PDB file of N, CA and C in Angstrom:
ATOM      1  N   MET A   1     -39.839  -5.811 -33.311  1.00  0.00           N
ATOM      2  CA  MET A   1     -39.306  -4.643 -33.982  1.00  0.00           C
ATOM      3  C   MET A   1     -37.878  -4.911 -34.406  1.00  0.00           C
ATOM      4  N   GLU A   2     -37.587  -4.504 -35.634  1.00  0.00           N
ATOM      5  CA  GLU A   2     -36.228  -4.639 -36.133  1.00  0.00           C
ATOM      6  C   GLU A   2     -35.481  -3.324 -35.971  1.00  0.00           C
ATOM      7  N   LYS A   3     -34.156  -3.408 -35.997  1.00  0.00           N
ATOM      8  CA  LYS A   3     -33.309  -2.230 -35.801  1.00  0.00           C
ATOM      9  C   LYS A   3     -32.663  -1.840 -37.125  1.00  0.00           C
ATOM     10  N   THR A   4     -32.772  -0.546 -37.485  1.00  0.00           N
ATOM     11  CA  THR A   4     -32.132   0.004 -38.676  1.00  0.00           C
ATOM     12  C   THR A   4     -31.264   1.177 -38.240  1.00  0.00           C
ATOM     13  N   ILE A   5     -29.986   1.128 -38.573  1.00  0.00           N
ATOM     14  CA  ILE A   5     -29.042   2.178 -38.192  1.00  0.00           C
ATOM     15  C   ILE A   5     -28.681   2.990 -39.426  1.00  0.00           C
ATOM     16  N   PHE A   6     -28.680   4.316 -39.282  1.00  0.00           N
ATOM     17  CA  PHE A   6     -28.315   5.185 -40.397  1.00  0.00           C
ATOM     18  C   PHE A   6     -27.804   6.517 -39.867  1.00  0.00           C
ATOM     19  N   SER A   7     -27.216   7.297 -40.746  1.00  0.00           N
ATOM     20  CA  SER A   7     -26.822   8.663 -40.410  1.00  0.00           C
ATOM     21  C   SER A   7     -27.234   9.554 -41.572  1.00  0.00           C
ATOM     22  N   CYS A   8     -27.452  10.832 -41.271  1.00  0.00           N
ATOM     23  CA  CYS A   8     -27.863  11.787 -42.283  1.00  0.00           C
ATOM     24  C   CYS A   8     -27.678  13.193 -41.732  1.00  0.00           C
ATOM     25  N   PRO A   9     -27.717  14.205 -42.610  1.00  0.00           N
ATOM     26  CA  PRO A   9     -27.621  15.585 -42.136  1.00  0.00           C
ATOM     27  C   PRO A   9     -28.840  15.941 -41.277  1.00  0.00           C
ATOM     28  N   VAL A  10     -28.679  16.905 -40.386  1.00  0.00           N
ATOM     29  CA  VAL A  10     -29.752  17.297 -39.467  1.00  0.00           C
ATOM     30  C   VAL A  10     -30.992  17.756 -40.224  1.00  0.00           C
ATOM     31  N   GLY A  11     -30.821  18.529 -41.302  1.00  0.00           N
ATOM     32  CA  GLY A  11     -31.968  18.986 -42.080  1.00  0.00           C
ATOM     33  C   GLY A  11     -32.754  17.825 -42.655  1.00  0.00           C
ATOM     34  N   GLU A  12     -32.061  16.816 -43.144  1.00  0.00           N
ATOM     35  CA  GLU A  12     -32.719  15.625 -43.678  1.00  0.00           C
ATOM     36  C   GLU A  12     -33.435  14.877 -42.559  1.00  0.00           C
ATOM     37  N   LEU A  13     -32.832  14.829 -41.400  1.00  0.00           N
ATOM     38  CA  LEU A  13     -33.445  14.155 -40.259  1.00  0.00           C
ATOM     39  C   LEU A  13     -34.765  14.825 -39.882  1.00  0.00           C
ATOM     40  N   SER A  14     -34.819  16.153 -39.965  1.00  0.00           N
ATOM     41  CA  SER A  14     -36.062  16.873 -39.678  1.00  0.00           C
ATOM     42  C   SER A  14     -37.174  16.427 -40.620  1.00  0.00           C
ATOM     43  N   CYS A  15     -36.842  16.269 -41.893  1.00  0.00           N
ATOM     44  CA  CYS A  15     -37.831  15.809 -42.874  1.00  0.00           C
ATOM     45  C   CYS A  15     -38.240  14.353 -42.609  1.00  0.00           C
ATOM     46  N   ILE A  16     -37.275  13.525 -42.240  1.00  0.00           N
ATOM     47  CA  ILE A  16     -37.579  12.117 -41.941  1.00  0.00           C
ATOM     48  C   ILE A  16     -38.581  12.039 -40.800  1.00  0.00           C
ATOM     49  N   ILE A  17     -38.327  12.768 -39.724  1.00  0.00           N
ATOM     50  CA  ILE A  17     -39.221  12.730 -38.564  1.00  0.00           C
ATOM     51  C   ILE A  17     -40.620  13.197 -38.947  1.00  0.00           C
ATOM     52  N   GLY A  18     -40.700  14.297 -39.692  1.00  0.00           N
ATOM     53  CA  GLY A  18     -41.990  14.852 -40.076  1.00  0.00           C
ATOM     54  C   GLY A  18     -42.796  13.955 -40.983  1.00  0.00           C
ATOM     55  N   ASN A  19     -42.121  13.142 -41.776  1.00  0.00           N
ATOM     56  CA  ASN A  19     -42.824  12.234 -42.686  1.00  0.00           C
ATOM     57  C   ASN A  19     -43.012  10.832 -42.118  1.00  0.00           C
ATOM     58  N   LEU A  20     -42.181  10.434 -41.179  1.00  0.00           N
ATOM     59  CA  LEU A  20     -42.235   9.077 -40.625  1.00  0.00           C
ATOM     60  C   LEU A  20     -43.372   8.911 -39.619  1.00  0.00           C
ATOM     61  N   PHE A  21     -43.495   9.864 -38.711  1.00  0.00           N
ATOM     62  CA  PHE A  21     -44.467   9.732 -37.624  1.00  0.00           C
ATOM     63  C   PHE A  21     -45.733  10.547 -37.890  1.00  0.00           C
ATOM     64  N   VAL A  22     -46.879   9.910 -37.665  1.00  0.00           N
ATOM     65  CA  VAL A  22     -48.161  10.622 -37.775  1.00  0.00           C
ATOM     66  C   VAL A  22     -48.752  10.893 -36.401  1.00  0.00           C
ATOM     67  N   GLU A  23     -48.230  10.213 -35.406  1.00  0.00           N
ATOM     68  CA  GLU A  23     -48.701  10.393 -34.030  1.00  0.00           C
ATOM     69  C   GLU A  23     -47.533  10.105 -33.095  1.00  0.00           C
ATOM     70  N   LEU A  24     -47.315  10.990 -32.140  1.00  0.00           N
ATOM     71  CA  LEU A  24     -46.220  10.801 -31.184  1.00  0.00           C
ATOM     72  C   LEU A  24     -46.767  10.382 -29.833  1.00  0.00           C
ATOM     73  N   GLU A  25     -45.939   9.684 -29.072  1.00  0.00           N
ATOM     74  CA  GLU A  25     -46.317   9.280 -27.716  1.00  0.00           C
ATOM     75  C   GLU A  25     -45.103   9.421 -26.808  1.00  0.00           C
ATOM     76  N   PRO A  26     -45.324   9.579 -25.527  1.00  0.00           N
ATOM     77  CA  PRO A  26     -44.196   9.709 -24.598  1.00  0.00           C
ATOM     78  C   PRO A  26     -43.341   8.444 -24.600  1.00  0.00           C
ATOM     79  N   PRO A  27     -42.039   8.598 -24.501  1.00  0.00           N
ATOM     80  CA  PRO A  27     -41.150   7.440 -24.517  1.00  0.00           C
ATOM     81  C   PRO A  27     -40.964   6.816 -23.136  1.00  0.00           C
ATOM     82  N   CYS A  28     -41.991   6.854 -22.299  1.00  0.00           N
ATOM     83  CA  CYS A  28     -41.876   6.404 -20.912  1.00  0.00           C
ATOM     84  C   CYS A  28     -41.409   4.957 -20.767  1.00  0.00           C
ATOM     85  N   GLU A  29     -41.764   4.106 -21.727  1.00  0.00           N
ATOM     86  CA  GLU A  29     -41.393   2.698 -21.621  1.00  0.00           C
ATOM     87  C   GLU A  29     -39.993   2.424 -22.163  1.00  0.00           C
ATOM     88  N   SER A  30     -39.380   3.418 -22.771  1.00  0.00           N
ATOM     89  CA  SER A  30     -38.038   3.240 -23.330  1.00  0.00           C
ATOM     90  C   SER A  30     -37.006   3.265 -22.212  1.00  0.00           C
ATOM     91  N   ASN A  31     -35.908   2.569 -22.456  1.00  0.00           N
ATOM     92  CA  ASN A  31     -34.809   2.604 -21.486  1.00  0.00           C
ATOM     93  C   ASN A  31     -34.229   4.004 -21.452  1.00  0.00           C
ATOM     94  N   LYS A  32     -33.809   4.412 -20.294  1.00  0.00           N
ATOM     95  CA  LYS A  32     -33.192   5.731 -20.172  1.00  0.00           C
ATOM     96  C   LYS A  32     -31.833   5.700 -20.862  1.00  0.00           C
ATOM     97  N   CYS A  33     -31.562   6.742 -21.648  1.00  0.00           N
ATOM     98  CA  CYS A  33     -30.275   6.859 -22.319  1.00  0.00           C
ATOM     99  C   CYS A  33     -30.003   8.338 -22.561  1.00  0.00           C
ATOM    100  N   ASN A  34     -28.879   8.642 -23.139  1.00  0.00           N
ATOM    101  CA  ASN A  34     -28.497  10.025 -23.391  1.00  0.00           C
ATOM    102  C   ASN A  34     -28.932  10.524 -24.762  1.00  0.00           C
ATOM    103  N   ASP A  35     -29.612   9.683 -25.540  1.00  0.00           N
ATOM    104  CA  ASP A  35     -30.058  10.056 -26.871  1.00  0.00           C
ATOM    105  C   ASP A  35     -31.462  10.646 -26.826  1.00  0.00           C
ATOM    106  N   LEU A  36     -31.813  11.384 -27.865  1.00  0.00           N
ATOM    107  CA  LEU A  36     -33.173  11.869 -28.045  1.00  0.00           C
ATOM    108  C   LEU A  36     -34.001  10.696 -28.552  1.00  0.00           C
ATOM    109  N   ILE A  37     -35.139  10.435 -27.934  1.00  0.00           N
ATOM    110  CA  ILE A  37     -35.994   9.313 -28.324  1.00  0.00           C
ATOM    111  C   ILE A  37     -37.342   9.850 -28.783  1.00  0.00           C
ATOM    112  N   ILE A  38     -37.751   9.460 -29.989  1.00  0.00           N
ATOM    113  CA  ILE A  38     -39.066   9.812 -30.507  1.00  0.00           C
ATOM    114  C   ILE A  38     -39.814   8.516 -30.748  1.00  0.00           C
ATOM    115  N   CYS A  39     -40.991   8.376 -30.140  1.00  0.00           N
ATOM    116  CA  CYS A  39     -41.802   7.164 -30.255  1.00  0.00           C
ATOM    117  C   CYS A  39     -43.173   7.527 -30.798  1.00  0.00           C
ATOM    118  N   GLY A  40     -43.766   6.605 -31.513  1.00  0.00           N
ATOM    119  CA  GLY A  40     -45.118   6.860 -31.981  1.00  0.00           C
ATOM    120  C   GLY A  40     -45.554   5.902 -33.064  1.00  0.00           C
ATOM    121  N   THR A  41     -46.576   6.336 -33.787  1.00  0.00           N
ATOM    122  CA  THR A  41     -47.157   5.565 -34.874  1.00  0.00           C
ATOM    123  C   THR A  41     -46.620   6.101 -36.188  1.00  0.00           C
ATOM    124  N   THR A  42     -46.141   5.190 -37.036  1.00  0.00           N
ATOM    125  CA  THR A  42     -45.608   5.606 -38.331  1.00  0.00           C
ATOM    126  C   THR A  42     -46.741   5.792 -39.329  1.00  0.00           C
ATOM    127  N   PHE A  43     -46.405   6.336 -40.491  1.00  0.00           N
ATOM    128  CA  PHE A  43     -47.381   6.597 -41.548  1.00  0.00           C
ATOM    129  C   PHE A  43     -48.135   5.336 -41.975  1.00  0.00           C
ATOM    130  N   SER A  44     -47.542   4.170 -41.767  1.00  0.00           N
ATOM    131  CA  SER A  44     -48.182   2.912 -42.175  1.00  0.00           C
ATOM    132  C   SER A  44     -48.989   2.273 -41.045  1.00  0.00           C
ATOM    133  N   GLY A  45     -49.054   2.946 -39.901  1.00  0.00           N
ATOM    134  CA  GLY A  45     -49.828   2.435 -38.775  1.00  0.00           C
ATOM    135  C   GLY A  45     -49.047   1.552 -37.830  1.00  0.00           C
ATOM    136  N   ASN A  46     -47.767   1.402 -38.073  1.00  0.00           N
ATOM    137  CA  ASN A  46     -46.916   0.589 -37.206  1.00  0.00           C
ATOM    138  C   ASN A  46     -46.352   1.439 -36.071  1.00  0.00           C
ATOM    139  N   ARG A  47     -45.965   0.769 -34.990  1.00  0.00           N
ATOM    140  CA  ARG A  47     -45.260   1.467 -33.906  1.00  0.00           C
ATOM    141  C   ARG A  47     -43.796   1.551 -34.285  1.00  0.00           C
ATOM    142  N   GLY A  48     -43.169   2.655 -33.881  1.00  0.00           N
ATOM    143  CA  GLY A  48     -41.756   2.827 -34.154  1.00  0.00           C
ATOM    144  C   GLY A  48     -41.109   3.746 -33.135  1.00  0.00           C
ATOM    145  N   SER A  49     -39.810   3.614 -33.003  1.00  0.00           N
ATOM    146  CA  SER A  49     -39.015   4.479 -32.128  1.00  0.00           C
ATOM    147  C   SER A  49     -37.770   4.897 -32.875  1.00  0.00           C
ATOM    148  N   LEU A  50     -37.421   6.161 -32.741  1.00  0.00           N
ATOM    149  CA  LEU A  50     -36.223   6.681 -33.374  1.00  0.00           C
ATOM    150  C   LEU A  50     -35.317   7.254 -32.291  1.00  0.00           C
ATOM    151  N   LEU A  51     -34.127   6.677 -32.160  1.00  0.00           N
ATOM    152  CA  LEU A  51     -33.124   7.176 -31.219  1.00  0.00           C
ATOM    153  C   LEU A  51     -32.142   8.014 -32.017  1.00  0.00           C
ATOM    154  N   ILE A  52     -31.968   9.256 -31.591  1.00  0.00           N
ATOM    155  CA  ILE A  52     -31.097  10.167 -32.313  1.00  0.00           C
ATOM    156  C   ILE A  52     -29.887  10.469 -31.440  1.00  0.00           C
ATOM    157  N   GLY A  53     -28.746   9.960 -31.868  1.00  0.00           N
ATOM    158  CA  GLY A  53     -27.499  10.188 -31.149  1.00  0.00           C
ATOM    159  C   GLY A  53     -26.704  11.295 -31.813  1.00  0.00           C
ATOM    160  N   LYS A  54     -25.507  11.496 -31.352  1.00  0.00           N
ATOM    161  CA  LYS A  54     -24.677  12.589 -31.879  1.00  0.00           C
ATOM    162  C   LYS A  54     -24.365  12.408 -33.361  1.00  0.00           C
ATOM    163  N   ASN A  55     -23.996  11.207 -33.771  1.00  0.00           N
ATOM    164  CA  ASN A  55     -23.608  10.968 -35.163  1.00  0.00           C
ATOM    165  C   ASN A  55     -24.371   9.831 -35.831  1.00  0.00           C
ATOM    166  N   ILE A  56     -25.364   9.276 -35.143  1.00  0.00           N
ATOM    167  CA  ILE A  56     -26.051   8.107 -35.684  1.00  0.00           C
ATOM    168  C   ILE A  56     -27.496   8.061 -35.208  1.00  0.00           C
ATOM    169  N   CYS A  57     -28.345   7.507 -36.054  1.00  0.00           N
ATOM    170  CA  CYS A  57     -29.759   7.317 -35.704  1.00  0.00           C
ATOM    171  C   CYS A  57     -30.054   5.829 -35.734  1.00  0.00           C
ATOM    172  N   THR A  58     -30.913   5.403 -34.834  1.00  0.00           N
ATOM    173  CA  THR A  58     -31.334   4.010 -34.800  1.00  0.00           C
ATOM    174  C   THR A  58     -32.850   3.984 -34.788  1.00  0.00           C
ATOM    175  N   PHE A  59     -33.434   3.333 -35.797  1.00  0.00           N
ATOM    176  CA  PHE A  59     -34.884   3.202 -35.883  1.00  0.00           C
ATOM    177  C   PHE A  59     -35.263   1.793 -35.477  1.00  0.00           C
ATOM    178  N   PHE A  60     -36.194   1.672 -34.543  1.00  0.00           N
ATOM    179  CA  PHE A  60     -36.738   0.383 -34.138  1.00  0.00           C
ATOM    180  C   PHE A  60     -38.168   0.323 -34.662  1.00  0.00           C
ATOM    181  N   GLY A  61     -38.418  -0.600 -35.545  1.00  0.00           N
ATOM    182  CA  GLY A  61     -39.746  -0.723 -36.134  1.00  0.00           C
ATOM    183  C   GLY A  61     -39.671  -1.497 -37.431  1.00  0.00           C
ATOM    184  N   GLU A  62     -40.674  -1.324 -38.257  1.00  0.00           N
ATOM    185  CA  GLU A  62     -40.741  -1.989 -39.553  1.00  0.00           C
ATOM    186  C   GLU A  62     -39.692  -1.363 -40.475  1.00  0.00           C
ATOM    187  N   PRO A  63     -38.680  -2.131 -40.916  1.00  0.00           N
ATOM    188  CA  PRO A  63     -37.611  -1.565 -41.736  1.00  0.00           C
ATOM    189  C   PRO A  63     -38.114  -0.872 -42.998  1.00  0.00           C
ATOM    190  N   ASN A  64     -39.191  -1.386 -43.575  1.00  0.00           N
ATOM    191  CA  ASN A  64     -39.741  -0.798 -44.787  1.00  0.00           C
ATOM    192  C   ASN A  64     -40.214   0.637 -44.540  1.00  0.00           C
ATOM    193  N   ASP A  65     -40.694   0.936 -43.328  1.00  0.00           N
ATOM    194  CA  ASP A  65     -41.165   2.287 -43.014  1.00  0.00           C
ATOM    195  C   ASP A  65     -40.051   3.316 -43.174  1.00  0.00           C
ATOM    196  N   ILE A  66     -38.898   3.050 -42.598  1.00  0.00           N
ATOM    197  CA  ILE A  66     -37.801   4.020 -42.675  1.00  0.00           C
ATOM    198  C   ILE A  66     -37.195   4.057 -44.079  1.00  0.00           C
ATOM    199  N   GLU A  67     -37.165   2.921 -44.771  1.00  0.00           N
ATOM    200  CA  GLU A  67     -36.624   2.888 -46.126  1.00  0.00           C
ATOM    201  C   GLU A  67     -37.489   3.699 -47.088  1.00  0.00           C
ATOM    202  N   ILE A  68     -38.804   3.571 -46.968  1.00  0.00           N
ATOM    203  CA  ILE A  68     -39.708   4.334 -47.834  1.00  0.00           C
ATOM    204  C   ILE A  68     -39.502   5.828 -47.620  1.00  0.00           C
ATOM    205  N   ILE A  69     -39.408   6.258 -46.373  1.00  0.00           N
ATOM    206  CA  ILE A  69     -39.233   7.677 -46.083  1.00  0.00           C
ATOM    207  C   ILE A  69     -37.882   8.171 -46.576  1.00  0.00           C
ATOM    208  N   ARG A  70     -36.829   7.412 -46.353  1.00  0.00           N
ATOM    209  CA  ARG A  70     -35.492   7.864 -46.766  1.00  0.00           C
ATOM    210  C   ARG A  70     -35.342   7.906 -48.282  1.00  0.00           C
ATOM    211  N   ASN A  71     -36.139   7.141 -49.013  1.00  0.00           N
ATOM    212  CA  ASN A  71     -36.079   7.137 -50.475  1.00  0.00           C
ATOM    213  C   ASN A  71     -37.179   7.994 -51.103  1.00  0.00           C
ATOM    214  N   ASN A  72     -37.926   8.697 -50.275  1.00  0.00           N
ATOM    215  CA  ASN A  72     -39.040   9.510 -50.725  1.00  0.00           C
ATOM    216  C   ASN A  72     -38.549  10.692 -51.559  1.00  0.00           C
ATOM    217  N   ARG A  73     -39.210  10.937 -52.684  1.00  0.00           N
ATOM    218  CA  ARG A  73     -38.851  12.074 -53.546  1.00  0.00           C
ATOM    219  C   ARG A  73     -38.925  13.390 -52.784  1.00  0.00           C
ATOM    220  N   CYS A  74     -39.928  13.542 -51.940  1.00  0.00           N
ATOM    221  CA  CYS A  74     -40.101  14.762 -51.159  1.00  0.00           C
ATOM    222  C   CYS A  74     -38.853  15.034 -50.322  1.00  0.00           C
ATOM    223  N   LEU A  75     -38.313  14.009 -49.706  1.00  0.00           N
ATOM    224  CA  LEU A  75     -37.129  14.159 -48.868  1.00  0.00           C
ATOM    225  C   LEU A  75     -35.937  14.619 -49.699  1.00  0.00           C
ATOM    226  N   LYS A  76     -35.801  14.081 -50.902  1.00  0.00           N
ATOM    227  CA  LYS A  76     -34.677  14.442 -51.760  1.00  0.00           C
ATOM    228  C   LYS A  76     -34.772  15.880 -52.255  1.00  0.00           C
ATOM    229  N   GLU A  77     -35.990  16.418 -52.329  1.00  0.00           N
ATOM    230  CA  GLU A  77     -36.182  17.783 -52.810  1.00  0.00           C
ATOM    231  C   GLU A  77     -36.382  18.782 -51.671  1.00  0.00           C
ATOM    232  N   CYS A  78     -36.425  18.314 -50.453  1.00  0.00           N
ATOM    233  CA  CYS A  78     -36.704  19.165 -49.290  1.00  0.00           C
ATOM    234  C   CYS A  78     -35.635  20.233 -49.115  1.00  0.00           C
ATOM    235  N   LYS A  79     -36.064  21.477 -48.991  1.00  0.00           N
ATOM    236  CA  LYS A  79     -35.099  22.569 -48.838  1.00  0.00           C
ATOM    237  C   LYS A  79     -34.339  22.479 -47.524  1.00  0.00           C
ATOM    238  N   TYR A  80     -34.904  21.813 -46.512  1.00  0.00           N
ATOM    239  CA  TYR A  80     -34.230  21.687 -45.228  1.00  0.00           C
ATOM    240  C   TYR A  80     -33.162  20.591 -45.257  1.00  0.00           C
ATOM    241  N   GLY A  81     -33.280  19.673 -46.194  1.00  0.00           N
ATOM    242  CA  GLY A  81     -32.311  18.597 -46.293  1.00  0.00           C
ATOM    243  C   GLY A  81     -31.093  18.970 -47.104  1.00  0.00           C
ATOM    244  N   ARG A  82     -31.167  20.082 -47.816  1.00  0.00           N
ATOM    245  CA  ARG A  82     -30.044  20.520 -48.646  1.00  0.00           C
ATOM    246  C   ARG A  82     -29.048  21.331 -47.823  1.00  0.00           C
ATOM    247  N   LYS A  83     -27.817  21.328 -48.249  1.00  0.00           N
ATOM    248  CA  LYS A  83     -26.784  22.117 -47.576  1.00  0.00           C
ATOM    249  C   LYS A  83     -26.753  23.508 -48.140  1.00  0.00           C
TER     250      LYS A  83
END
């Protein structure tokens, strides 16, 4: 798994999560940390983990998965991603 670091508004992050993961699983195998951890299967069938910190997000998985979602037209037009 590769690591991709990014930041975005909370509303945009909600859209990213909803479009990135199609199945969630408990993060039991993840190291304990103070960040929110979301693990599961991405839309492309790959495993991925998203660590959400105070000002930064770190995605562990196929870099193309997060890039496709972040460049998705739906995300750019999402009412929750707008200020």
